């Protein structure tokens, strides 16, 4: 969300992670790559969630509106093994 744009938040999080982690591990912050369009940072949480969803659910696990209308919400569990 919106708190990611607060000044100093990245340094604070890295500092707290360093304190909580074993000395052999060092956290690293990530910044928006320079090839991304301006203003992308404001969508970072959404972009991260989208990438995570692709990693966690690599198969095509969506249901179409037509499937939902024909079969209802239970279709998601029947066809996806949930």
Protein backbone atom coordinates (compact mmCIF):
# COMPACT_ATOMS: atom_id res chain seq x y z
CA UNK A 1 0.00 0.00 0.00
CA UNK A 2 0.48 3.61 0.52
CA UNK A 3 2.96 3.44 3.41
CA UNK A 4 5.75 2.32 1.07
CA UNK A 5 6.30 5.87 -0.10
CA UNK A 6 7.05 7.23 3.38
CA UNK A 7 10.46 8.81 3.72
CA UNK A 8 12.94 6.62 5.59
CA UNK A 9 10.71 3.54 5.66
CA UNK A 10 13.11 1.45 3.57
CA UNK A 11 16.06 2.24 5.85
CA UNK A 12 14.00 1.44 8.94
CA UNK A 13 12.83 -1.91 7.58
CA UNK A 14 16.36 -2.89 6.54
CA UNK A 15 17.67 -1.89 9.98
CA UNK A 16 15.01 -3.94 11.77
CA UNK A 17 15.66 -6.93 9.50
CA UNK A 18 19.40 -6.72 10.18
CA UNK A 19 18.71 -6.73 13.93
CA UNK A 20 16.41 -9.75 13.65
CA UNK A 21 18.55 -11.85 11.30
CA UNK A 22 21.67 -13.88 12.07
CA UNK A 23 24.91 -11.96 11.45
CA UNK A 24 25.80 -14.21 8.50
CA UNK A 25 22.75 -12.96 6.58
CA UNK A 26 22.35 -9.43 5.28
CA UNK A 27 19.04 -8.20 3.89
CA UNK A 28 19.05 -6.20 0.69
CA UNK A 29 16.55 -3.63 -0.46
CA UNK A 30 15.19 -3.54 -3.97
CA UNK A 31 14.42 -0.47 -6.00
CA UNK A 32 12.32 0.00 -9.10
CA UNK A 33 14.53 -0.78 -12.13
CA UNK A 34 15.43 2.21 -14.27
CA UNK A 35 13.74 0.70 -17.34
CA UNK A 36 10.34 0.81 -15.62
CA UNK A 37 8.18 3.85 -16.38
CA UNK A 38 7.98 6.72 -13.92
CA UNK A 39 5.43 6.35 -11.15
CA UNK A 40 5.81 2.58 -11.08
CA UNK A 41 6.81 2.66 -7.42
CA UNK A 42 3.26 3.62 -6.46
CA UNK A 43 2.09 0.29 -7.90
CA UNK A 44 4.89 -1.79 -6.35
CA UNK A 45 2.60 -3.72 -3.97
CA UNK A 46 0.25 -4.64 -6.81
CA UNK A 47 3.10 -5.64 -9.12
CA UNK A 48 4.70 -7.73 -6.37
CA UNK A 49 1.41 -9.46 -5.65
CA UNK A 50 0.94 -10.18 -9.33
CA UNK A 51 4.41 -11.72 -9.62
CA UNK A 52 3.88 -13.77 -6.46
CA UNK A 53 0.57 -15.08 -7.76
CA UNK A 54 2.28 -16.24 -10.95
CA UNK A 55 4.97 -18.03 -8.93
CA UNK A 56 2.58 -19.66 -6.46
CA UNK A 57 -0.07 -20.54 -9.04
CA UNK A 58 1.85 -21.20 -12.26
CA UNK A 59 -0.96 -23.16 -13.90
CA UNK A 60 -3.88 -21.43 -15.51
CA UNK A 61 -6.12 -21.49 -12.43
CA UNK A 62 -8.70 -18.87 -13.23
CA UNK A 63 -12.34 -19.44 -14.04
CA UNK A 64 -14.20 -17.56 -16.68
CA UNK A 65 -17.30 -15.50 -16.08
CA UNK A 66 -19.25 -17.99 -18.17
CA UNK A 67 -18.06 -20.90 -16.00
CA UNK A 68 -19.05 -18.98 -12.89
CA UNK A 69 -22.48 -18.12 -14.29
CA UNK A 70 -23.12 -21.70 -15.40
CA UNK A 71 -21.72 -23.57 -12.38
CA UNK A 72 -21.47 -21.05 -9.53
CA UNK A 73 -18.59 -20.58 -7.06
CA UNK A 74 -18.37 -24.29 -6.27
CA UNK A 75 -16.94 -24.80 -9.79
CA UNK A 76 -13.64 -23.36 -8.56
CA UNK A 77 -13.26 -26.15 -6.05
CA UNK A 78 -14.51 -28.97 -8.26
CA UNK A 79 -12.36 -28.14 -11.28
CA UNK A 80 -9.24 -27.05 -9.43
CA UNK A 81 -9.04 -29.77 -6.80
CA UNK A 82 -9.60 -27.29 -3.94
